[in-house]
Amino acid sequence: MDRKTLLKIFIAGLLLCLCSCSGQSKEVRKRQGEASRDVGEAYMHAGNYTGALRELLKAEELTPDDIYIQNDLGLTYMAKERTDLAIRHFKKALDKNPGFTAARNNLGTAHMANSDWDAAITTFKKVLEDLLYPTPHFPHSNLGWAYYNKKQYDLAARHYSEALESQPRFVIAMRGLGRTYVAMKKIPDAVGMFKKAIGISPRFAPLYLDLAKAYTAANDRRSALDIYRKVIAAFPGTPYADEAQRDAGALLLNSGS
């Protein structure tokens, strides 16, 4: 845990102690809840989600109407792979403030984690209605993924493209659009998109595997094998290298070499 996070936990803990010695007025409970929320968020940022959950549940008990605590609880439950509880808390935040678009976007992400594509699509479309939302490339990219999984590739490509209009170097959307192009049999477009993404994020191993599969779909066995060799050399001892080894072997076997 870094020094900045430790300092935040210490200060928030000190505030909790001071508040507990000052009676239990509504204002004191609010300050205690905020202090517990600060501690919980510090644990979240440090990746200690059990510690975060403990503090956030304290905060919720003190200030149940705090939408930020509800959102933080949703994020913490997401990290602990309890999407059912995450959805419940995101909805609580939205019940209290329907304009809390960040919580709505998080709700859509929870629906995606459940592969509930229709619910995710409805939610992300609602997010995009907020013209003040500062990062529209995220809901557009998420819509792209949802439509991709529904095999509605034209809509997937449209939303991935809109994400890239908003954020041209957003590699996640570039990868999604490339995979959508493969599904649409637009292999040259897919190859170009994967290469562009690799140019931006050369250490993102899945892009190379996607590129190799695109080459395989184009019956360009030599280029596919070259990419698989690069993955094995650049990412040794990783699941990506293992996958490249398996796929390269299968490609050689199928070609009779």
Protein backbone atom coordinates (compact mmCIF):
# COMPACT_ATOMS: atom_id res chain seq x y z
CA MET A 1 0.00 0.00 0.00
CA ASP A 2 1.54 3.34 -1.01
CA ARG A 3 2.24 6.22 1.40
CA LYS A 4 -0.55 8.42 0.02
CA THR A 5 -3.17 5.70 0.63
CA LEU A 6 -1.86 5.05 4.14
CA LEU A 7 -2.06 8.76 4.91
CA LYS A 8 -5.70 8.90 3.71
CA ILE A 9 -6.61 5.94 5.92
CA PHE A 10 -4.84 7.49 8.91
CA ILE A 11 -6.55 10.88 8.49
CA ALA A 12 -9.97 9.31 7.98
CA GLY A 13 -9.45 7.06 11.00
CA LEU A 14 -8.52 10.08 13.09
CA LEU A 15 -11.70 11.83 11.98
CA LEU A 16 -13.71 8.79 12.96
CA CYS A 17 -12.19 8.84 16.44
CA LEU A 18 -12.86 12.55 16.85
CA CYS A 19 -16.44 12.18 15.65
CA SER A 20 -17.13 9.25 17.97
CA CYS A 21 -16.16 11.41 20.92
CA SER A 22 -18.55 14.20 19.90
CA GLY A 23 -21.98 12.59 20.34
CA GLN A 24 -24.26 11.18 17.67
CA SER A 25 -26.00 14.16 16.10
CA LYS A 26 -27.07 13.90 12.48
CA GLU A 27 -24.13 16.05 11.42
CA VAL A 28 -21.70 13.92 13.41
CA ARG A 29 -23.07 10.73 11.85
CA LYS A 30 -22.67 12.32 8.43
CA ARG A 31 -19.02 13.14 9.14
CA GLN A 32 -18.44 9.65 10.49
CA GLY A 33 -20.02 8.16 7.37
CA GLU A 34 -17.86 10.31 5.11
CA ALA A 35 -14.75 9.33 7.06
CA SER A 36 -15.61 5.62 6.76
CA ARG A 37 -16.26 6.15 3.05
CA ASP A 38 -12.82 7.76 2.67
CA VAL A 39 -11.19 4.79 4.39
CA GLY A 40 -13.18 2.39 2.22
CA GLU A 41 -12.17 4.20 -0.96
CA ALA A 42 -8.53 4.14 0.11
CA TYR A 43 -8.77 0.37 0.57
CA MET A 44 -10.47 0.10 -2.84
CA HIS A 45 -7.63 1.98 -4.53
CA ALA A 46 -5.14 -0.31 -2.78
CA GLY A 47 -7.00 -3.41 -4.04
CA ASN A 48 -8.06 -4.50 -0.53
CA TYR A 49 -11.73 -5.07 -1.28
CA THR A 50 -12.50 -6.92 1.93
CA GLY A 51 -11.23 -3.97 3.95
CA ALA A 52 -13.13 -1.63 1.65
CA LEU A 53 -16.36 -3.55 2.11
CA ARG A 54 -16.03 -3.51 5.88
CA GLU A 55 -15.61 0.29 5.97
CA LEU A 56 -18.26 1.00 3.36
CA LEU A 57 -20.85 -1.07 5.19
CA LYS A 58 -20.09 1.01 8.29
CA ALA A 59 -20.51 4.13 6.22
CA GLU A 60 -23.83 2.91 4.79
CA GLU A 61 -25.16 2.25 8.27
CA LEU A 62 -24.30 5.81 9.28
CA THR A 63 -25.44 7.56 6.08
CA PRO A 64 -27.65 5.23 4.01
CA ASP A 65 -28.75 8.05 1.68
CA ASP A 66 -25.20 8.82 0.48
CA ILE A 67 -25.23 7.94 -3.24
CA TYR A 68 -21.43 7.79 -3.39
CA ILE A 69 -21.34 5.12 -0.69
CA GLN A 70 -23.93 3.11 -2.64
CA ASN A 71 -21.86 3.44 -5.80
CA ASP A 72 -18.66 2.46 -3.96
CA LEU A 73 -20.41 -0.59 -2.51
CA GLY A 74 -21.48 -1.56 -6.02
CA LEU A 75 -17.91 -1.28 -7.30
CA THR A 76 -16.58 -3.26 -4.35
CA TYR A 77 -19.09 -6.06 -4.87
CA MET A 78 -18.15 -6.08 -8.57
CA ALA A 79 -14.52 -6.59 -7.58
CA LYS A 80 -15.61 -9.46 -5.33
CA GLU A 81 -17.62 -10.96 -8.22
CA ARG A 82 -20.99 -10.47 -6.53
CA THR A 83 -22.76 -8.76 -9.38
CA ASP A 84 -26.17 -9.42 -7.81
CA LEU A 85 -25.26 -7.23 -4.84
CA ALA A 86 -23.46 -4.72 -7.06
CA ILE A 87 -26.61 -4.21 -9.14
CA ARG A 88 -28.66 -3.73 -5.98
CA HIS A 89 -26.40 -0.91 -4.75
CA PHE A 90 -26.06 0.83 -8.11
CA LYS A 91 -29.87 0.84 -8.30
CA LYS A 92 -30.07 2.27 -4.77
CA ALA A 93 -27.81 5.12 -5.83
CA LEU A 94 -29.98 5.77 -8.90
CA ASP A 95 -33.19 5.58 -6.90
CA LYS A 96 -31.87 8.42 -4.78
CA ASN A 97 -30.45 10.38 -7.72
CA PRO A 98 -31.48 9.32 -11.26
CA GLY A 99 -28.97 11.84 -12.65
CA PHE A 100 -25.99 9.99 -11.15
CA THR A 101 -24.72 8.86 -14.55
CA ALA A 102 -21.48 7.31 -13.30
CA ALA A 103 -23.53 4.85 -11.22
CA ARG A 104 -25.73 4.13 -14.25
CA ASN A 105 -22.66 3.34 -16.34
CA ASN A 106 -21.44 1.04 -13.57
CA LEU A 107 -24.87 -0.64 -13.53
CA GLY A 108 -24.52 -1.30 -17.25
CA THR A 109 -21.11 -2.85 -16.65
CA ALA A 110 -22.61 -5.15 -14.01
CA HIS A 111 -25.28 -6.25 -16.49
CA MET A 112 -22.51 -6.99 -19.00
CA ALA A 113 -20.69 -9.08 -16.40
CA ASN A 114 -23.89 -11.14 -16.15
CA SER A 115 -24.11 -11.39 -19.96
CA ASP A 116 -27.47 -9.64 -19.70
CA TRP A 117 -26.94 -7.85 -22.99
CA ASP A 118 -30.43 -6.37 -23.36
CA ALA A 119 -30.34 -4.80 -19.88
CA ALA A 120 -26.83 -3.52 -20.58
CA ILE A 121 -27.91 -1.93 -23.88
CA THR A 122 -30.88 -0.20 -22.28
CA THR A 123 -28.66 1.12 -19.49
CA PHE A 124 -25.84 2.40 -21.68
CA LYS A 125 -28.27 4.12 -24.03
CA LYS A 126 -29.60 5.97 -21.00
CA VAL A 127 -26.05 6.95 -20.07
CA LEU A 128 -25.57 8.49 -23.51
CA GLU A 129 -28.63 10.67 -22.99
CA ASP A 130 -26.56 12.64 -20.49
CA LEU A 131 -24.80 15.09 -22.80
CA LEU A 132 -22.60 16.26 -19.92
CA TYR A 133 -21.16 12.79 -19.29
CA PRO A 134 -17.42 13.38 -19.77
CA THR A 135 -16.38 9.97 -21.17
CA PRO A 136 -18.96 8.85 -23.77
CA HIS A 137 -16.41 6.56 -25.41
CA PHE A 138 -16.93 4.10 -22.52
CA PRO A 139 -20.69 3.55 -22.96
CA HIS A 140 -20.28 3.53 -26.75
CA SER A 141 -17.59 0.86 -26.51
CA ASN A 142 -19.69 -1.12 -24.03
CA LEU A 143 -22.64 -0.94 -26.41
CA GLY A 144 -20.34 -2.23 -29.12
CA TRP A 145 -19.46 -5.24 -26.97
CA ALA A 146 -23.09 -5.90 -26.07
CA TYR A 147 -24.23 -5.79 -29.69
CA TYR A 148 -21.25 -7.93 -30.73
CA ASN A 149 -22.37 -10.61 -28.29
CA LYS A 150 -25.90 -10.39 -29.72
CA LYS A 151 -24.34 -10.87 -33.18
CA GLN A 152 -25.72 -7.51 -34.31
CA TYR A 153 -22.46 -6.59 -35.93
CA ASP A 154 -23.56 -3.48 -37.82
CA LEU A 155 -24.68 -1.87 -34.56
CA ALA A 156 -21.54 -3.06 -32.81
CA ALA A 157 -19.34 -1.48 -35.49
CA ARG A 158 -21.32 1.76 -35.31
CA HIS A 159 -20.86 2.14 -31.56
CA TYR A 160 -17.20 1.16 -31.61
CA SER A 161 -16.67 3.74 -34.35
CA GLU A 162 -18.47 6.38 -32.29
CA ALA A 163 -16.25 5.54 -29.33
CA LEU A 164 -13.21 6.11 -31.51
CA GLU A 165 -14.58 9.41 -32.79
CA SER A 166 -14.69 10.54 -29.18
CA GLN A 167 -11.35 8.97 -28.19
CA PRO A 168 -9.28 8.01 -31.28
CA ARG A 169 -6.59 6.16 -29.28
CA PHE A 170 -8.99 4.04 -27.21
CA VAL A 171 -7.43 0.64 -27.78
CA ILE A 172 -10.29 -1.36 -26.24
CA ALA A 173 -12.68 0.05 -28.84
CA MET A 174 -10.13 -0.52 -31.60
CA ARG A 175 -9.83 -4.15 -30.59
CA GLY A 176 -13.61 -4.51 -30.42
CA LEU A 177 -14.02 -2.97 -33.86
CA GLY A 178 -11.34 -5.25 -35.28
CA ARG A 179 -13.05 -8.32 -33.89
CA THR A 180 -16.36 -7.08 -35.24
CA TYR A 181 -14.78 -6.69 -38.69
CA VAL A 182 -13.59 -10.31 -38.50
CA ALA A 183 -17.15 -11.42 -37.72
CA MET A 184 -18.39 -9.34 -40.67
CA LYS A 185 -15.76 -10.98 -42.96
CA LYS A 186 -14.07 -7.60 -43.45
CA ILE A 187 -10.65 -9.11 -42.89
CA PRO A 188 -8.45 -6.35 -44.42
CA ASP A 189 -10.23 -3.79 -42.24
CA ALA A 190 -9.71 -6.01 -39.20
CA VAL A 191 -5.99 -6.44 -39.94
CA GLY A 192 -5.56 -2.70 -40.34
CA MET A 193 -7.39 -1.98 -37.08
CA PHE A 194 -5.36 -4.52 -35.08
CA LYS A 195 -2.10 -3.16 -36.49
CA LYS A 196 -3.11 0.39 -35.59
CA ALA A 197 -3.98 -0.70 -32.05
CA ILE A 198 -0.64 -2.52 -31.68
CA GLY A 199 1.12 0.66 -32.74
CA ILE A 200 -0.53 2.45 -29.80
CA SER A 201 -0.26 -0.37 -27.24
CA PRO A 202 2.56 -2.74 -28.27
CA ARG A 203 2.57 -4.61 -24.93
CA PHE A 204 -1.12 -5.57 -25.12
CA ALA A 205 -0.67 -9.23 -26.01
CA PRO A 206 -4.31 -10.06 -26.96
CA LEU A 207 -4.03 -7.72 -29.94
CA TYR A 208 -1.35 -9.93 -31.49
CA LEU A 209 -3.48 -13.04 -31.05
CA ASP A 210 -6.42 -11.24 -32.66
CA LEU A 211 -4.18 -10.19 -35.56
CA ALA A 212 -2.93 -13.74 -36.05
CA LYS A 213 -6.52 -15.04 -36.13
CA ALA A 214 -7.42 -12.40 -38.69
CA TYR A 215 -4.53 -13.53 -40.87
CA THR A 216 -5.69 -17.13 -40.45
CA ALA A 217 -9.20 -16.11 -41.56
CA ALA A 218 -7.59 -14.57 -44.66
CA ASN A 219 -5.69 -17.84 -45.32
CA ASP A 220 -2.41 -15.96 -44.79
CA ARG A 221 -0.76 -18.76 -42.85
CA ARG A 222 2.76 -17.33 -43.04
CA SER A 223 1.77 -13.99 -41.50
CA ALA A 224 -0.27 -15.72 -38.80
CA LEU A 225 2.67 -17.95 -37.83
CA ASP A 226 5.00 -14.93 -37.75
CA ILE A 227 2.69 -13.23 -35.27
CA TYR A 228 2.39 -16.34 -33.11
CA ARG A 229 6.20 -16.57 -32.97
CA LYS A 230 6.37 -12.93 -31.87
CA VAL A 231 3.90 -13.60 -29.04
CA ILE A 232 5.88 -16.64 -27.86
CA ALA A 233 9.12 -14.61 -27.89
CA ALA A 234 7.73 -11.39 -26.41
CA PHE A 235 5.47 -12.85 -23.69
CA PRO A 236 7.23 -16.05 -22.50
CA GLY A 237 5.67 -18.00 -19.67
CA THR A 238 2.28 -16.31 -20.05
CA PRO A 239 -1.12 -17.73 -21.03
CA TYR A 240 -0.79 -15.66 -24.24
CA ALA A 241 2.36 -17.53 -25.21
CA ASP A 242 0.65 -20.84 -24.41
CA GLU A 243 -2.32 -19.90 -26.60
CA ALA A 244 0.00 -18.81 -29.42
CA GLN A 245 1.86 -22.12 -29.18
CA ARG A 246 -1.39 -24.11 -29.37
CA ASP A 247 -2.84 -22.09 -32.23
CA ALA A 248 0.40 -22.18 -34.21
CA GLY A 249 0.58 -25.95 -33.75
CA ALA A 250 -3.00 -26.38 -34.89
CA LEU A 251 -2.35 -24.17 -37.92
CA LEU A 252 0.68 -26.22 -38.91
CA LEU A 253 -1.22 -29.47 -38.37
CA ASN A 254 -4.18 -28.36 -40.46
CA SER A 255 -1.89 -27.22 -43.25
CA GLY A 256 -0.02 -30.52 -43.29
CA SER A 257 3.37 -28.90 -42.61
